[in-house]
Amino acid sequence: MITNNGPKFLLTLKAVDSKNTVNDLVIKEDGATTLISEDKILYYYIGDKKCLNDLGKNLEKIVKSNKYELNIDVDSFVNAFLEPEEAFQKIIESVVFASHKELDYKESSSTPKSINFMFDEEYTPLFEASMIKVEYMNFARDLQDLPPNIGTSVEIANRIVEKAKDVPNVKVTVYDKKQIEDMGMGLLLSVNAGSHVEPRVVTVEYTTDTSKKKTALVGKGITFDTGGYNLKPSNFIENMKFDMSGAAIVSSTVFALAKAKAKVNVISIALLTDNRIGGHATLTESVIKSMNGKTVEITNTDAEGRLVLADGLTFATRVAKADKAITVATLTGAIGVALGSWFTGTFSPSDDFYTEFEEAAKKAQEPVWRLPMIDEHLKAMQCSKVADLANSEPGRSAGSSTAAAFLNSFAEDKEYIHLDIAATADTDKRGRAPMLRTMFELLNK
């Protein structure tokens, strides 16, 4: 048995099912827990359904409500499933995710109870990989949870730089407003125009195998989104501090790959700014020149995420010389209508790249769903009479697909995937760092 180093704990969490002989007091309902005090065991009953997704959610709830220090008998859970490695990964990652002390600024706050894992030695490599993934998921979550008055573009850039000091062999570069202007990133600057806080572009690069195609992970980093002059109503402005989730996730993914010593060629690009109203803010119907030379009519200042990502994609292809690109963004409300919070919406013109990505998502146990992106979606974005593109199509049809098509027009025929995490980035006012594990699995080969 392998455990982490720690004291002997009061309770052991142990899984049982219909094959086990247990105390008659144990509740035999799927997902039910029963504390048998004389055994010092908290029994978790696994029913016939044996759904890993349900197991993960239940373990999160148990850990978050737990008032005791716990031993977790991981083997008892794993042995109940036909695919033990997948079960092991789900258990470790769900528990460590839930036991992370979430960001708060209260005078007094509780500290999560210690957890001790017990499992067979053969699972050690899986354990180490899962611990790395969740470590950087939790870093991304802490960035997501920052209040917008603290988590500005400058502060988030500084925190990424500081975190990099603990990660070997990564190169972090921070571009300030003057450098962004020199690069001609007009779309990013148009979103930043109303803000008194300068924008930042932060890249994290990790390369150990130059023979592999270079992959750019491009993250939307809108630290707070008012909607600009197309101002959001109050019920839609809530949780807009999470609009920088993509930037936090892509940066953390590269850190995780570096910590795991992956054989990879990867760069993350975080586009950081807020979107405010003010005397200098971009007006609706303005025409802005993008970094790649295309002009964009700003038909809706609240469709700002695709603007910063468009310049980010041009940076990826022309400056970073990437062969592949993945954009990660809380991009459209429409994705929540289409898929709810159960799936991350995915879009790609590259069937082979998407197939590879889908397999990684299955391994990471993160639900994704591919949606269409066709020529007609791009044509809808070419509706402007004065510019090459509009940033928002008229009407409400296929809003997530038309946004993805807009982005794809800046990918310059590279292998490309877009991930719309608008409905999966956060839950109950807390960040969840979705798609980090999937991108980790995709690139850690």
Protein backbone atom coordinates (compact mmCIF):
# COMPACT_ATOMS: atom_id res chain seq x y z
CA MET A 1 0.00 0.00 0.00
CA ILE A 2 1.18 3.55 -0.73
CA THR A 3 0.13 6.55 1.31
CA ASN A 4 1.15 10.13 1.43
CA ASN A 5 3.08 11.16 4.51
CA GLY A 6 0.77 12.15 7.32
CA PRO A 7 -0.65 11.25 10.70
CA LYS A 8 -3.02 8.40 11.41
CA PHE A 9 -6.45 9.74 10.67
CA LEU A 10 -9.73 9.22 12.48
CA LEU A 11 -11.81 7.80 9.65
CA THR A 12 -11.31 5.66 6.58
CA LEU A 13 -13.49 6.18 3.52
CA LYS A 14 -14.10 2.76 2.00
CA ALA A 15 -16.18 1.65 -0.96
CA VAL A 16 -18.46 -1.39 -0.80
CA ASP A 17 -20.97 -2.92 -3.16
CA SER A 18 -23.43 -5.80 -3.25
CA LYS A 19 -20.58 -8.33 -3.27
CA ASN A 20 -19.29 -7.19 0.14
CA THR A 21 -20.56 -8.36 3.51
CA VAL A 22 -20.97 -5.27 5.66
CA ASN A 23 -22.76 -4.04 8.73
CA ASP A 24 -26.54 -4.16 8.33
CA LEU A 25 -26.69 -0.43 9.08
CA VAL A 26 -24.85 0.45 5.86
CA ILE A 27 -27.26 2.19 3.50
CA LYS A 28 -27.34 0.21 0.27
CA GLU A 29 -28.20 2.98 -2.15
CA ASP A 30 -25.98 4.16 -4.99
CA GLY A 31 -23.72 6.96 -3.71
CA ALA A 32 -24.92 6.75 -0.10
CA THR A 33 -22.42 7.10 2.75
CA THR A 34 -22.77 5.54 6.20
CA LEU A 35 -20.55 6.23 9.18
CA ILE A 36 -20.09 3.16 11.41
CA SER A 37 -18.37 4.70 14.41
CA GLU A 38 -17.13 1.48 16.00
CA ASP A 39 -15.39 0.56 12.71
CA LYS A 40 -14.09 4.13 12.26
CA ILE A 41 -15.13 3.67 8.63
CA LEU A 42 -17.23 5.87 6.38
CA TYR A 43 -18.74 3.40 3.93
CA TYR A 44 -19.52 4.53 0.38
CA TYR A 45 -21.98 2.26 -1.38
CA ILE A 46 -21.39 1.70 -5.07
CA GLY A 47 -24.56 0.49 -6.74
CA ASP A 48 -25.03 -1.37 -9.99
CA LYS A 49 -24.87 1.81 -12.10
CA LYS A 50 -21.13 2.31 -11.49
CA CYS A 51 -20.92 5.69 -13.23
CA LEU A 52 -17.52 7.36 -12.86
CA ASN A 53 -18.95 10.81 -13.48
CA ASP A 54 -21.42 10.37 -10.60
CA LEU A 55 -18.63 8.98 -8.42
CA GLY A 56 -16.50 12.06 -9.04
CA LYS A 57 -19.34 14.45 -8.18
CA ASN A 58 -20.20 12.48 -5.03
CA LEU A 59 -16.59 12.43 -3.86
CA GLU A 60 -16.36 16.20 -4.32
CA LYS A 61 -19.43 16.65 -2.12
CA ILE A 62 -18.08 14.27 0.54
CA VAL A 63 -14.71 16.02 0.69
CA LYS A 64 -16.17 19.52 0.79
CA SER A 65 -18.55 18.64 3.63
CA ASN A 66 -16.07 16.46 5.51
CA LYS A 67 -15.20 17.45 9.09
CA TYR A 68 -12.66 14.71 9.76
CA GLU A 69 -9.22 13.77 8.62
CA LEU A 70 -9.55 10.86 6.23
CA ASN A 71 -7.78 7.82 4.95
CA ILE A 72 -9.19 6.96 1.55
CA ASP A 73 -8.99 3.29 0.66
CA VAL A 74 -8.57 3.91 -3.06
CA ASP A 75 -8.21 0.22 -3.87
CA SER A 76 -11.69 -0.50 -2.50
CA PHE A 77 -13.12 1.94 -5.04
CA VAL A 78 -10.93 0.88 -7.95
CA ASN A 79 -11.72 -2.81 -7.53
CA ALA A 80 -15.42 -2.14 -8.04
CA PHE A 81 -14.92 -0.87 -11.61
CA LEU A 82 -14.15 -2.73 -14.83
CA GLU A 83 -11.66 -0.02 -15.90
CA PRO A 84 -9.52 0.43 -12.79
CA GLU A 85 -7.09 3.01 -14.20
CA GLU A 86 -9.93 5.33 -15.21
CA ALA A 87 -11.51 4.87 -11.79
CA PHE A 88 -8.22 5.59 -10.04
CA GLN A 89 -7.75 8.79 -12.00
CA LYS A 90 -11.31 9.95 -11.30
CA ILE A 91 -10.96 9.29 -7.57
CA ILE A 92 -7.61 11.03 -7.10
CA GLU A 93 -8.43 14.04 -9.23
CA SER A 94 -11.91 14.56 -7.76
CA VAL A 95 -10.65 14.37 -4.20
CA VAL A 96 -7.63 16.63 -4.68
CA PHE A 97 -9.74 19.11 -6.66
CA ALA A 98 -12.34 19.27 -3.88
CA SER A 99 -9.83 19.45 -1.03
CA HIS A 100 -8.11 22.55 -2.44
CA LYS A 101 -8.55 25.56 -0.18
CA GLU A 102 -10.55 27.94 -2.29
CA LEU A 103 -9.63 31.60 -2.48
CA ASP A 104 -11.32 33.85 0.06
CA TYR A 105 -10.67 37.10 1.89
CA LYS A 106 -12.55 36.36 5.11
CA GLU A 107 -11.08 37.23 8.50
CA SER A 108 -11.41 33.62 9.53
CA SER A 109 -11.88 30.65 7.24
CA SER A 110 -11.72 26.92 7.65
CA THR A 111 -8.80 24.86 6.43
CA PRO A 112 -9.65 21.69 4.49
CA LYS A 113 -9.01 18.51 6.45
CA SER A 114 -5.99 16.38 5.54
CA ILE A 115 -6.52 13.42 3.25
CA ASN A 116 -4.37 10.31 3.07
CA PHE A 117 -4.56 8.06 -0.01
CA MET A 118 -3.96 4.32 0.27
CA PHE A 119 -3.42 2.39 -2.96
CA ASP A 120 -1.39 -0.30 -4.63
CA GLU A 121 2.11 0.60 -5.79
CA GLU A 122 1.31 -0.10 -9.46
CA TYR A 123 -0.78 3.09 -9.56
CA THR A 124 2.08 5.38 -8.56
CA PRO A 125 2.71 6.81 -12.08
CA LEU A 126 -1.00 7.58 -12.50
CA PHE A 127 -1.06 9.19 -9.07
CA GLU A 128 1.90 11.44 -9.87
CA ALA A 129 0.40 12.53 -13.21
CA SER A 130 -2.97 13.28 -11.62
CA MET A 131 -1.36 15.30 -8.84
CA ILE A 132 0.47 17.45 -11.41
CA LYS A 133 -2.68 18.08 -13.42
CA VAL A 134 -4.76 19.07 -10.42
CA GLU A 135 -1.97 21.21 -8.95
CA TYR A 136 -2.12 23.48 -11.98
CA MET A 137 -5.89 23.23 -12.29
CA ASN A 138 -5.98 24.66 -8.79
CA PHE A 139 -3.60 27.46 -9.77
CA ALA A 140 -5.89 28.30 -12.69
CA ARG A 141 -8.92 28.17 -10.38
CA ASP A 142 -7.28 30.60 -7.98
CA LEU A 143 -6.72 33.02 -10.87
CA GLN A 144 -10.34 32.55 -11.96
CA ASP A 145 -11.64 33.31 -8.48
CA LEU A 146 -9.75 36.60 -8.09
CA PRO A 147 -12.10 39.57 -7.57
CA PRO A 148 -11.88 41.89 -10.60
CA ASN A 149 -10.46 44.78 -8.57
CA ILE A 150 -7.52 42.53 -7.69
CA GLY A 151 -7.29 40.26 -10.73
CA THR A 152 -6.43 42.90 -13.30
CA SER A 153 -4.51 42.19 -16.48
CA VAL A 154 -1.32 43.42 -14.83
CA GLU A 155 -1.80 41.40 -11.65
CA ILE A 156 -2.64 38.17 -13.46
CA ALA A 157 0.43 38.62 -15.65
CA ASN A 158 2.53 39.11 -12.52
CA ARG A 159 1.11 35.97 -10.91
CA ILE A 160 1.88 33.88 -13.97
CA VAL A 161 5.44 35.19 -13.93
CA GLU A 162 5.74 34.40 -10.21
CA LYS A 163 4.34 30.88 -10.66
CA ALA A 164 6.85 30.20 -13.42
CA LYS A 165 9.67 30.48 -10.88
CA ASP A 166 8.57 27.11 -9.49
CA VAL A 167 8.40 25.42 -12.90
CA PRO A 168 11.61 24.30 -14.63
CA ASN A 169 12.45 25.03 -18.25
CA VAL A 170 9.61 27.40 -19.12
CA LYS A 171 10.10 30.73 -20.83
CA VAL A 172 7.64 33.45 -19.85
CA THR A 173 7.36 36.67 -21.83
CA VAL A 174 5.11 39.59 -20.89
CA TYR A 175 4.23 42.14 -23.58
CA ASP A 176 3.12 45.58 -22.35
CA LYS A 177 0.84 48.06 -24.11
CA LYS A 178 3.62 49.69 -26.12
CA GLN A 179 4.81 46.32 -27.42
CA ILE A 180 1.23 45.32 -28.21
CA GLU A 181 0.83 48.55 -30.19
CA ASP A 182 4.09 47.87 -32.03
CA MET A 183 2.82 44.43 -33.03
CA GLY A 184 -0.35 46.01 -34.44
CA MET A 185 -2.79 44.09 -32.26
CA GLY A 186 -5.60 46.53 -33.05
CA LEU A 187 -8.46 44.28 -31.99
CA LEU A 188 -7.03 43.66 -28.52
CA LEU A 189 -6.33 47.38 -28.14
CA SER A 190 -9.88 48.25 -29.20
CA VAL A 191 -11.25 46.16 -26.33
CA ASN A 192 -8.81 47.77 -23.90
CA ALA A 193 -9.52 51.32 -25.09
CA GLY A 194 -12.01 52.16 -22.31
CA SER A 195 -9.83 50.85 -19.50
CA HIS A 196 -7.37 52.66 -17.24
CA VAL A 197 -5.52 49.34 -16.79
CA GLU A 198 -3.04 48.46 -19.54
CA PRO A 199 -3.45 45.21 -21.49
CA ARG A 200 -0.96 42.41 -21.30
CA VAL A 201 -0.07 39.50 -23.55
CA VAL A 202 1.64 36.72 -21.63
CA THR A 203 3.29 33.75 -23.32
CA VAL A 204 4.54 30.62 -21.59
CA GLU A 205 6.73 28.44 -23.80
CA TYR A 206 8.01 24.94 -23.12
CA THR A 207 9.92 23.01 -25.75
CA THR A 208 11.69 19.69 -25.33
CA ASP A 209 11.10 18.17 -28.77
CA THR A 210 11.44 20.51 -31.75
CA SER A 211 10.66 17.64 -34.12
CA LYS A 212 7.03 17.83 -33.00
CA LYS A 213 4.61 20.30 -34.49
CA LYS A 214 4.37 23.43 -32.38
CA THR A 215 1.00 23.86 -30.70
CA ALA A 216 -0.28 27.24 -29.53
CA LEU A 217 -2.88 27.39 -26.75
CA VAL A 218 -4.60 30.77 -27.03
CA GLY A 219 -6.67 31.95 -24.06
CA LYS A 220 -9.24 34.69 -23.72
CA GLY A 221 -8.33 36.84 -20.73
CA ILE A 222 -11.09 39.40 -20.23
CA THR A 223 -10.60 40.15 -16.55
CA PHE A 224 -14.04 41.74 -16.34
CA ASP A 225 -16.58 42.21 -19.09
CA THR A 226 -19.10 45.02 -18.81
CA GLY A 227 -20.07 44.56 -22.45
CA GLY A 228 -18.67 47.98 -23.33
CA TYR A 229 -21.16 50.39 -24.91
CA ASN A 230 -23.39 47.41 -25.67
CA LEU A 231 -23.66 47.29 -21.89
CA LYS A 232 -24.77 44.06 -20.25
CA PRO A 233 -27.94 44.16 -18.13
CA SER A 234 -27.32 43.52 -14.42
CA ASN A 235 -28.41 39.88 -14.50
CA PHE A 236 -25.80 39.13 -17.19
CA ILE A 237 -22.93 41.10 -15.68
CA GLU A 238 -22.73 38.72 -12.71
CA ASN A 239 -19.72 36.35 -12.79
CA MET A 240 -18.00 38.36 -15.52
CA LYS A 241 -14.74 38.10 -13.56
CA PHE A 242 -14.59 34.54 -14.94
CA ASP A 243 -14.25 35.87 -18.50
CA MET A 244 -10.47 35.46 -18.17
CA SER A 245 -10.74 31.70 -17.60
CA GLY A 246 -9.22 30.72 -20.93
CA ALA A 247 -6.04 32.68 -20.25
CA ALA A 248 -5.63 31.08 -16.82
CA ILE A 249 -6.23 27.59 -18.22
CA VAL A 250 -3.83 27.73 -21.17
CA SER A 251 -1.00 29.19 -19.07
CA SER A 252 -1.51 26.53 -16.39
CA THR A 253 -1.60 23.76 -18.98
CA VAL A 254 1.92 24.60 -20.14
CA PHE A 255 3.11 24.70 -16.52
CA ALA A 256 1.63 21.23 -15.97
CA LEU A 257 3.32 19.85 -19.09
CA ALA A 258 6.65 21.28 -17.96
CA LYS A 259 6.27 19.85 -14.46
CA ALA A 260 5.52 16.45 -16.03
CA LYS A 261 8.59 16.74 -18.28
CA ALA A 262 6.45 16.09 -21.35
CA LYS A 263 8.09 15.68 -24.74
CA VAL A 264 6.34 18.53 -26.45
CA ASN A 265 6.61 21.80 -28.38
CA VAL A 266 4.01 24.17 -26.95
CA ILE A 267 3.31 27.83 -26.21
CA SER A 268 0.41 29.45 -24.39
CA ILE A 269 -0.77 32.94 -25.31
CA ALA A 270 -2.90 34.80 -22.77
CA LEU A 271 -4.67 37.95 -24.01
CA LEU A 272 -5.41 40.05 -20.92
CA THR A 273 -7.59 43.15 -20.61
CA ASP A 274 -10.91 44.21 -19.19
CA ASN A 275 -13.80 45.54 -21.29
CA ARG A 276 -15.17 48.81 -19.91
CA ILE A 277 -17.14 51.85 -20.90
CA GLY A 278 -15.59 55.30 -20.77
CA GLY A 279 -14.60 58.31 -22.77
CA HIS A 280 -12.05 56.40 -24.83
CA ALA A 281 -13.97 53.13 -25.16
CA THR A 282 -14.58 51.76 -28.63
CA LEU A 283 -17.94 52.78 -30.08
CA THR A 284 -20.30 50.39 -31.80
CA GLU A 285 -19.88 50.53 -35.61
CA SER A 286 -16.20 51.44 -35.32
CA VAL A 287 -13.89 49.77 -37.83
CA ILE A 288 -10.66 48.31 -36.45
CA LYS A 289 -7.67 46.82 -38.24
CA SER A 290 -6.55 43.45 -36.86
CA MET A 291 -2.99 42.23 -36.45
CA ASN A 292 -3.21 40.18 -39.66
CA GLY A 293 -4.54 43.14 -41.68
CA LYS A 294 -8.23 42.26 -41.88
CA THR A 295 -10.65 44.99 -40.90
CA VAL A 296 -13.47 44.32 -38.46
CA GLU A 297 -16.61 46.36 -37.89
CA ILE A 298 -17.47 46.32 -34.20
CA THR A 299 -21.21 45.70 -34.49
CA ASN A 300 -21.38 44.65 -30.83
CA THR A 301 -18.83 45.71 -28.20
CA ASP A 302 -20.01 42.78 -26.06
CA ALA A 303 -18.61 40.34 -28.63
CA GLU A 304 -15.11 41.25 -27.49
CA GLY A 305 -13.63 37.84 -26.73
CA ARG A 306 -13.34 36.86 -30.37
CA LEU A 307 -11.50 40.13 -31.03
CA VAL A 308 -8.67 39.47 -28.58
CA LEU A 309 -8.47 35.83 -29.68
CA ALA A 310 -8.24 36.84 -33.34
CA ASP A 311 -5.11 38.86 -32.65
CA GLY A 312 -3.90 36.01 -30.44
CA LEU A 313 -4.24 33.57 -33.32
CA THR A 314 -2.25 35.88 -35.57
CA PHE A 315 0.45 36.06 -32.91
CA ALA A 316 0.39 32.26 -32.75
CA THR A 317 0.85 31.77 -36.48
CA ARG A 318 3.11 34.69 -37.40
CA VAL A 319 5.18 35.37 -34.28
CA ALA A 320 5.23 32.03 -32.46
CA LYS A 321 5.26 30.12 -35.78
CA ALA A 322 2.81 27.53 -34.46
CA ASP A 323 1.61 24.68 -36.66
CA LYS A 324 -1.52 24.00 -34.60
CA ALA A 325 -3.73 26.19 -32.46
CA ILE A 326 -6.37 25.72 -29.80
CA THR A 327 -8.42 28.65 -28.51
CA VAL A 328 -10.02 28.42 -25.07
CA ALA A 329 -12.66 30.99 -24.18
CA THR A 330 -15.80 31.78 -22.26
CA LEU A 331 -17.08 32.98 -25.59
CA THR A 332 -20.84 32.71 -26.11
CA GLY A 333 -23.98 32.45 -24.04
CA ALA A 334 -25.41 30.43 -26.91
CA ILE A 335 -23.22 27.45 -25.99
CA GLY A 336 -24.99 27.16 -22.66
CA VAL A 337 -28.36 27.10 -24.42
CA ALA A 338 -27.12 24.38 -26.78
CA LEU A 339 -25.24 22.14 -24.34
CA GLY A 340 -25.92 23.34 -20.81
CA SER A 341 -23.11 22.85 -18.34
CA TRP A 342 -22.69 19.17 -19.24
CA PHE A 343 -20.37 19.56 -22.25
CA THR A 344 -17.70 21.93 -23.50
CA GLY A 345 -18.54 22.98 -27.03
CA THR A 346 -15.84 22.19 -29.58
CA PHE A 347 -15.35 23.33 -33.15
CA SER A 348 -12.75 22.36 -35.71
CA PRO A 349 -12.17 22.29 -39.47
CA SER A 350 -9.43 19.69 -38.86
CA ASP A 351 -10.92 16.19 -38.60
CA ASP A 352 -7.66 14.42 -37.75
CA PHE A 353 -6.71 16.96 -35.10
CA TYR A 354 -10.19 16.80 -33.62
CA THR A 355 -10.16 12.99 -33.50
CA GLU A 356 -6.89 13.15 -31.58
CA PHE A 357 -8.37 15.76 -29.26
CA GLU A 358 -11.55 13.75 -28.66
CA GLU A 359 -9.51 10.73 -27.59
CA ALA A 360 -7.61 12.93 -25.14
CA ALA A 361 -10.90 14.24 -23.74
CA LYS A 362 -12.10 10.69 -23.15
CA LYS A 363 -8.87 9.85 -21.35
CA ALA A 364 -9.18 13.01 -19.27
CA GLN A 365 -12.86 12.23 -18.61
CA GLU A 366 -13.98 15.69 -19.69
CA PRO A 367 -17.23 15.70 -21.73
CA VAL A 368 -16.97 17.54 -25.07
CA TRP A 369 -19.35 17.88 -27.99
CA ARG A 370 -18.41 18.87 -31.52
CA LEU A 371 -20.68 21.42 -33.18
CA PRO A 372 -20.80 22.45 -36.84
CA MET A 373 -18.70 25.18 -38.37
CA ILE A 374 -19.46 25.61 -42.08
CA ASP A 375 -18.83 28.18 -44.80
CA GLU A 376 -22.25 29.72 -44.23
CA HIS A 377 -21.27 30.53 -40.66
CA LEU A 378 -18.36 32.61 -41.90
CA LYS A 379 -20.54 34.27 -44.54
CA ALA A 380 -22.80 35.44 -41.73
CA MET A 381 -19.79 37.23 -40.25
CA GLN A 382 -18.99 38.89 -43.60
CA CYS A 383 -22.15 40.98 -43.42
CA SER A 384 -20.41 44.33 -42.91
CA LYS A 385 -20.72 46.85 -45.73
CA VAL A 386 -17.57 48.69 -44.62
CA ALA A 387 -15.15 46.03 -43.32
CA ASP A 388 -13.92 42.53 -44.09
CA LEU A 389 -15.81 41.10 -41.13
CA ALA A 390 -18.32 42.03 -38.49
CA ASN A 391 -17.61 40.84 -34.99
CA SER A 392 -21.24 39.91 -34.39
CA GLU A 393 -23.74 38.54 -36.88
CA PRO A 394 -27.27 39.98 -37.04
CA GLY A 395 -29.86 37.81 -35.35
CA ARG A 396 -29.41 34.92 -32.91
CA SER A 397 -28.87 31.93 -35.19
CA ALA A 398 -25.98 29.55 -34.39
CA GLY A 399 -24.14 32.17 -32.35
CA SER A 400 -21.48 29.79 -31.10
CA SER A 401 -20.77 28.44 -34.58
CA THR A 402 -20.55 31.85 -36.22
CA ALA A 403 -18.14 32.99 -33.48
CA ALA A 404 -15.99 29.92 -34.10
CA ALA A 405 -16.04 30.60 -37.86
CA PHE A 406 -14.91 34.19 -37.22
CA LEU A 407 -11.95 32.85 -35.24
CA ASN A 408 -11.11 30.19 -37.80
CA SER A 409 -10.71 32.91 -40.43
CA PHE A 410 -7.67 34.10 -38.42
CA ALA A 411 -6.14 30.62 -38.03
CA GLU A 412 -4.49 30.91 -41.47
CA ASP A 413 -5.27 27.30 -42.46
CA LYS A 414 -3.42 25.82 -39.51
CA GLU A 415 -4.83 22.79 -37.72
CA TYR A 416 -7.30 24.42 -35.37
CA ILE A 417 -9.70 23.65 -32.51
CA HIS A 418 -11.89 26.11 -30.64
CA LEU A 419 -13.20 25.32 -27.15
CA ASP A 420 -16.17 27.33 -25.88
CA ILE A 421 -16.13 26.96 -22.09
CA ALA A 422 -18.74 29.64 -21.35
CA ALA A 423 -21.00 27.12 -19.60
CA THR A 424 -18.32 24.92 -18.03
CA ALA A 425 -15.71 27.38 -16.74
CA ASP A 426 -17.28 27.93 -13.33
CA THR A 427 -19.90 26.53 -10.97
CA ASP A 428 -21.49 28.22 -7.96
CA LYS A 429 -19.21 31.25 -8.31
CA ARG A 430 -16.04 29.14 -8.32
CA GLY A 431 -13.66 28.39 -11.18
CA ARG A 432 -13.29 24.80 -12.42
CA ALA A 433 -10.46 25.10 -14.99
CA PRO A 434 -12.07 22.84 -17.62
CA MET A 435 -10.08 21.43 -20.55
CA LEU A 436 -6.72 21.66 -18.82
CA ARG A 437 -6.66 17.90 -18.29
CA THR A 438 -7.73 17.25 -21.87
CA MET A 439 -5.02 19.47 -23.36
CA PHE A 440 -2.51 17.88 -20.98
CA GLU A 441 -3.46 14.41 -22.24
CA LEU A 442 -3.41 15.60 -25.85
CA LEU A 443 0.13 16.92 -25.63
CA ASN A 444 1.74 14.67 -23.00
CA LYS A 445 2.85 11.87 -25.30
